[in-house]
């Protein structure tokens, strides 16, 4: 069941490895989650597979430390960070860590739930199990709390019907995902609420498995006509390396950006990566 992620993030570190068929880029990226608190960030461990054969199209552009990128890929949520296999990386030329717009992390995922909706503090809430395959050695599933305002009649009409007449429901979920840290009692230090990933639901489509549709009608929609048969698809255009005279090429030149980024990194060190030498090839 697919889980796809889209966001803008900052390239903190990037390394490359070469196999017989691919250049494998391993990127530690940072996504801002607060416009006012620079220490509130989340990490993305990104792997991008670039074909060595130049005739094979690719949507993965070259990146450098300090770049801001638009990232699209398959993902799995892992504790307090995301593991991503990139399907598209596009570089923004003039944006820095300081000026990244706070657009959040948008996802579209297919999940399964055995719950019925519950109402808490003005929200309708369900918990879904999400699965995505990123490789034999990688995590394959995670839990996702899905919530929307209880006054949203459009979503209420869909979520209130889940598992009313069945034991399990599969659905396509669309929204913005956030990591919520665990909450501990300040006196006893006991965990009151565990950490979790929460999806602010924007839309949901239920998947009906027991319906069979037979359609022998010939479809002749105008946009299906082959009017671009001579168009040649093209891969991503290689980007010219940036040149900086007075500073290291891997560091931003804006002093405010350096200070803000240093504050974020000091408060949130990059997560430890286990088995870094084991790299699954894309499916």
Protein backbone atom coordinates (compact mmCIF):
# COMPACT_ATOMS: atom_id res chain seq x y z
CA UNK A 1 0.00 0.00 0.00
CA UNK A 2 1.70 3.22 -1.13
CA UNK A 3 2.70 6.11 1.09
CA UNK A 4 3.95 9.21 -0.73
CA UNK A 5 5.43 12.39 0.74
CA UNK A 6 5.91 15.92 -0.62
CA UNK A 7 7.77 18.75 1.12
CA UNK A 8 10.45 21.44 0.97
CA UNK A 9 13.57 20.77 3.04
CA UNK A 10 17.16 21.81 3.66
CA UNK A 11 20.10 19.58 2.66
CA UNK A 12 22.28 19.26 5.77
CA UNK A 13 24.53 16.51 4.42
CA UNK A 14 24.86 14.60 1.15
CA UNK A 15 27.12 11.68 0.19
CA UNK A 16 27.30 9.50 -2.92
CA UNK A 17 28.01 5.83 -3.58
CA UNK A 18 28.34 4.18 -6.97
CA UNK A 19 27.04 0.74 -7.94
CA UNK A 20 27.02 -0.95 -11.33
CA UNK A 21 23.71 0.71 -12.31
CA UNK A 22 23.13 3.66 -9.98
CA UNK A 23 24.68 6.65 -8.28
CA UNK A 24 23.14 6.44 -4.81
CA UNK A 25 22.76 9.76 -3.01
CA UNK A 26 22.22 9.58 0.73
CA UNK A 27 20.87 12.87 2.05
CA UNK A 28 20.21 14.08 5.58
CA UNK A 29 17.52 16.71 5.12
CA UNK A 30 15.80 19.04 7.58
CA UNK A 31 12.20 20.22 7.49
CA UNK A 32 11.07 23.18 9.60
CA UNK A 33 7.91 22.64 11.62
CA UNK A 34 7.63 26.06 13.31
CA UNK A 35 7.84 29.59 11.94
CA UNK A 36 8.79 31.07 15.33
CA UNK A 37 10.91 28.40 17.07
CA UNK A 38 14.04 27.44 15.06
CA UNK A 39 14.70 24.42 17.29
CA UNK A 40 11.54 22.70 16.07
CA UNK A 41 12.67 20.66 13.09
CA UNK A 42 12.37 17.09 11.86
CA UNK A 43 14.90 15.03 9.94
CA UNK A 44 14.43 13.11 6.72
CA UNK A 45 16.84 10.36 5.74
CA UNK A 46 16.64 10.40 1.95
CA UNK A 47 17.99 7.93 -0.60
CA UNK A 48 17.98 8.84 -4.27
CA UNK A 49 18.90 6.43 -7.05
CA UNK A 50 20.29 8.12 -10.17
CA UNK A 51 20.78 5.83 -13.22
CA UNK A 52 24.34 5.78 -14.53
CA UNK A 53 23.03 5.33 -18.06
CA UNK A 54 22.52 8.93 -19.35
CA UNK A 55 19.76 7.77 -21.69
CA UNK A 56 17.52 6.83 -18.75
CA UNK A 57 15.25 9.68 -17.66
CA UNK A 58 15.49 10.87 -14.06
CA UNK A 59 13.80 13.48 -11.90
CA UNK A 60 16.68 13.60 -9.40
CA UNK A 61 18.75 16.76 -9.68
CA UNK A 62 22.27 17.21 -8.32
CA UNK A 63 22.36 18.65 -4.81
CA UNK A 64 24.95 20.22 -2.52
CA UNK A 65 25.07 20.81 1.22
CA UNK A 66 23.11 23.98 1.95
CA UNK A 67 20.60 23.55 -0.89
CA UNK A 68 16.85 23.79 -0.37
CA UNK A 69 14.97 21.15 -2.35
CA UNK A 70 11.44 20.15 -3.29
CA UNK A 71 11.27 16.47 -2.35
CA UNK A 72 8.80 13.80 -3.49
CA UNK A 73 9.13 10.15 -2.57
CA UNK A 74 7.94 6.99 -0.85
CA UNK A 75 8.30 7.13 2.92
CA UNK A 76 8.02 5.37 6.25
CA UNK A 77 7.73 7.23 9.57
CA UNK A 78 10.45 6.03 11.98
CA UNK A 79 10.27 7.15 15.63
CA UNK A 80 11.01 10.89 15.32
CA UNK A 81 12.15 11.07 11.68
CA UNK A 82 11.20 9.97 8.16
CA UNK A 83 12.88 7.50 5.84
CA UNK A 84 12.34 8.48 2.20
CA UNK A 85 13.16 6.92 -1.16
CA UNK A 86 13.09 9.91 -3.50
CA UNK A 87 11.27 9.85 -6.83
CA UNK A 88 11.85 13.56 -7.52
CA UNK A 89 14.31 16.17 -6.23
CA UNK A 90 14.25 19.73 -7.56
CA UNK A 91 16.62 22.44 -6.28
CA UNK A 92 15.49 25.98 -5.40
CA UNK A 93 18.26 28.43 -6.26
CA UNK A 94 17.82 31.42 -3.94
CA UNK A 95 16.06 29.94 -0.89
CA UNK A 96 18.01 29.36 2.34
CA UNK A 97 17.18 27.53 5.57
CA UNK A 98 16.05 30.84 7.04
CA UNK A 99 13.64 31.63 4.20
CA UNK A 100 12.10 28.18 3.64
CA UNK A 101 8.30 28.66 3.59
CA UNK A 102 6.52 26.64 6.26
CA UNK A 103 4.42 24.40 4.00
CA UNK A 104 4.56 21.29 6.18
CA UNK A 105 4.88 17.71 4.96
CA UNK A 106 2.00 16.65 2.73
CA UNK A 107 1.27 12.96 2.24
CA UNK A 108 -1.03 10.61 0.40
CA UNK A 109 -1.11 7.14 1.94
CA UNK A 110 -3.20 3.99 1.86
CA UNK A 111 -3.95 2.59 5.30
CA UNK A 112 -6.12 0.07 7.14
CA UNK A 113 -8.07 0.53 10.37
CA UNK A 114 -10.14 -1.77 12.58
CA UNK A 115 -11.49 1.11 14.68
CA UNK A 116 -14.64 3.17 14.58
CA UNK A 117 -14.33 6.93 14.85
CA UNK A 118 -14.08 8.49 18.32
CA UNK A 119 -14.56 12.12 19.30
CA UNK A 120 -12.05 13.92 21.54
CA UNK A 121 -11.77 17.65 22.23
CA UNK A 122 -13.72 18.65 19.14
CA UNK A 123 -11.92 16.24 16.77
CA UNK A 124 -12.91 12.96 15.13
CA UNK A 125 -10.02 10.49 15.44
CA UNK A 126 -9.05 7.13 13.90
CA UNK A 127 -5.80 5.17 13.95
CA UNK A 128 -4.55 3.61 10.70
CA UNK A 129 -1.79 1.12 9.95
CA UNK A 130 0.35 2.28 7.00
CA UNK A 131 2.67 0.01 5.01
CA UNK A 132 5.28 0.94 2.40
CA UNK A 133 8.19 -1.09 0.98
CA UNK A 134 11.51 0.76 0.83
CA UNK A 135 13.83 -2.27 0.89
CA UNK A 136 14.39 -5.60 2.60
CA UNK A 137 16.40 -4.08 5.47
CA UNK A 138 14.15 -1.07 6.04
CA UNK A 139 11.06 -0.63 8.28
CA UNK A 140 7.86 -1.42 6.42
CA UNK A 141 4.98 -0.05 8.49
CA UNK A 142 3.95 2.56 11.03
CA UNK A 143 0.88 3.74 12.89
CA UNK A 144 -0.78 7.02 12.00
CA UNK A 145 -3.38 8.89 14.01
CA UNK A 146 -5.83 10.55 11.62
CA UNK A 147 -7.93 13.47 12.86
CA UNK A 148 -10.25 16.18 11.58
CA UNK A 149 -12.55 18.75 13.16
CA UNK A 150 -15.81 17.23 14.29
CA UNK A 151 -17.72 20.09 12.64
CA UNK A 152 -16.40 19.22 9.17
CA UNK A 153 -19.56 17.75 7.65
CA UNK A 154 -17.82 16.55 4.48
CA UNK A 155 -15.30 14.41 6.39
CA UNK A 156 -17.81 13.36 9.06
CA UNK A 157 -19.99 11.85 6.34
CA UNK A 158 -17.08 9.59 5.37
CA UNK A 159 -15.32 8.74 8.63
CA UNK A 160 -18.51 8.02 10.60
CA UNK A 161 -19.31 5.13 8.25
CA UNK A 162 -15.95 3.38 8.76
CA UNK A 163 -16.29 -0.15 10.20
CA UNK A 164 -19.98 0.25 11.00
CA UNK A 165 -20.78 -2.87 8.98
CA UNK A 166 -17.32 -4.47 8.70
CA UNK A 167 -14.30 -5.38 10.79
CA UNK A 168 -11.70 -3.58 8.71
CA UNK A 169 -11.58 -0.65 6.31
CA UNK A 170 -8.91 0.38 3.83
CA UNK A 171 -8.77 4.02 2.76
CA UNK A 172 -6.67 6.54 0.83
CA UNK A 173 -5.69 9.36 3.18
CA UNK A 174 -4.65 12.88 2.15
CA UNK A 175 -3.37 15.57 4.49
CA UNK A 176 -0.44 17.08 6.39
CA UNK A 177 1.60 14.90 8.75
CA UNK A 178 3.19 16.04 12.02
CA UNK A 179 5.32 14.37 14.66
CA UNK A 180 4.03 14.83 18.22
CA UNK A 181 6.67 14.12 20.90
CA UNK A 182 5.84 12.13 24.02
CA UNK A 183 4.54 14.00 27.08
CA UNK A 184 5.92 13.20 30.54
CA UNK A 185 4.74 14.14 34.02
CA UNK A 186 7.07 16.95 35.23
CA UNK A 187 7.11 15.52 38.78
CA UNK A 188 7.32 11.76 38.27
CA UNK A 189 8.85 11.86 34.73
CA UNK A 190 6.42 9.06 33.81
CA UNK A 191 5.16 9.10 30.24
CA UNK A 192 1.63 10.44 30.06
CA UNK A 193 1.22 10.33 26.29
CA UNK A 194 3.49 8.40 23.87
CA UNK A 195 5.02 10.02 20.80
CA UNK A 196 3.04 9.62 17.60
CA UNK A 197 2.56 10.78 14.03
CA UNK A 198 -0.66 12.69 13.43
CA UNK A 199 -2.31 13.38 10.07
CA UNK A 200 -4.47 16.49 9.74
CA UNK A 201 -6.97 14.96 7.34
CA UNK A 202 -7.95 16.91 4.22
CA UNK A 203 -9.66 14.13 2.27
CA UNK A 204 -10.34 10.41 2.52
CA UNK A 205 -11.53 7.82 -0.03
CA UNK A 206 -12.74 4.45 1.18
CA UNK A 207 -11.65 1.41 -0.84
CA UNK A 208 -14.43 -1.12 -1.41
CA UNK A 209 -12.99 -4.60 -1.95
CA UNK A 210 -16.15 -6.64 -2.53
CA UNK A 211 -17.49 -4.79 -5.56
CA UNK A 212 -17.02 -6.15 -9.06
CA UNK A 213 -17.43 -3.78 -11.97
CA UNK A 214 -17.85 -4.88 -15.59
CA UNK A 215 -17.53 -2.14 -18.16
CA UNK A 216 -17.38 -2.93 -21.86
CA UNK A 217 -17.93 0.64 -22.96
CA UNK A 218 -15.20 2.13 -25.13
CA UNK A 219 -13.80 5.29 -23.55
CA UNK A 220 -13.16 8.16 -25.94
CA UNK A 221 -12.39 11.09 -23.66
CA UNK A 222 -10.78 13.97 -25.61
CA UNK A 223 -7.71 14.15 -23.35
CA UNK A 224 -6.94 10.48 -24.12
CA UNK A 225 -6.31 11.22 -27.79
CA UNK A 226 -2.66 10.76 -28.67
CA UNK A 227 -1.83 14.30 -29.76
CA UNK A 228 1.71 14.26 -28.39
CA UNK A 229 3.07 11.12 -29.99
CA UNK A 230 6.18 12.92 -31.29
CA UNK A 231 7.11 14.47 -27.95
CA UNK A 232 10.31 13.08 -26.44
CA UNK A 233 10.43 12.80 -22.65
CA UNK A 234 13.43 14.39 -21.03
CA UNK A 235 15.21 13.83 -17.77
CA UNK A 236 16.30 16.37 -15.22
CA UNK A 237 18.73 19.00 -16.48
CA UNK A 238 22.10 18.90 -14.67
CA UNK A 239 22.56 21.94 -12.47
CA UNK A 240 25.63 24.15 -12.58
CA UNK A 241 27.59 23.98 -9.35
CA UNK A 242 27.33 27.10 -7.24
CA UNK A 243 30.48 29.16 -6.66
CA UNK A 244 31.13 31.08 -3.47
CA UNK A 245 34.26 33.17 -3.04
CA UNK A 246 34.59 34.03 0.61
CA UNK A 247 33.17 30.96 2.35
CA UNK A 248 33.15 27.20 2.09
CA UNK A 249 30.92 25.92 -0.74
CA UNK A 250 29.03 23.77 1.75
CA UNK A 251 28.02 26.65 4.03
CA UNK A 252 25.27 29.29 3.61
CA UNK A 253 26.56 32.83 3.27
CA UNK A 254 23.80 34.53 5.25
CA UNK A 255 24.87 35.03 8.90
CA UNK A 256 21.29 34.85 10.17
CA UNK A 257 20.83 31.54 8.37
CA UNK A 258 24.00 30.14 9.97
CA UNK A 259 22.87 31.16 13.45
CA UNK A 260 19.35 29.82 13.01
CA UNK A 261 20.56 26.54 11.56
CA UNK A 262 23.18 26.12 14.31
CA UNK A 263 20.48 26.62 16.95
CA UNK A 264 18.27 23.99 15.31
CA UNK A 265 21.10 21.46 15.01
CA UNK A 266 22.27 22.00 18.58
CA UNK A 267 18.77 21.36 19.94
CA UNK A 268 18.11 18.44 17.57
CA UNK A 269 21.21 16.40 16.61
CA UNK A 270 20.80 14.21 13.51
CA UNK A 271 19.46 10.71 14.33
CA UNK A 272 21.83 7.76 14.37
CA UNK A 273 21.57 5.63 11.22
CA UNK A 274 21.96 1.89 11.67
CA UNK A 275 23.42 -0.38 8.98
CA UNK A 276 24.52 2.53 6.72
CA UNK A 277 26.37 0.18 4.40
CA UNK A 278 23.27 -1.83 3.50
CA UNK A 279 21.59 -0.06 0.61
CA UNK A 280 18.50 -1.66 -0.96
CA UNK A 281 18.03 -1.06 -4.66
CA UNK A 282 14.75 0.51 -5.82
CA UNK A 283 11.83 -1.67 -6.79
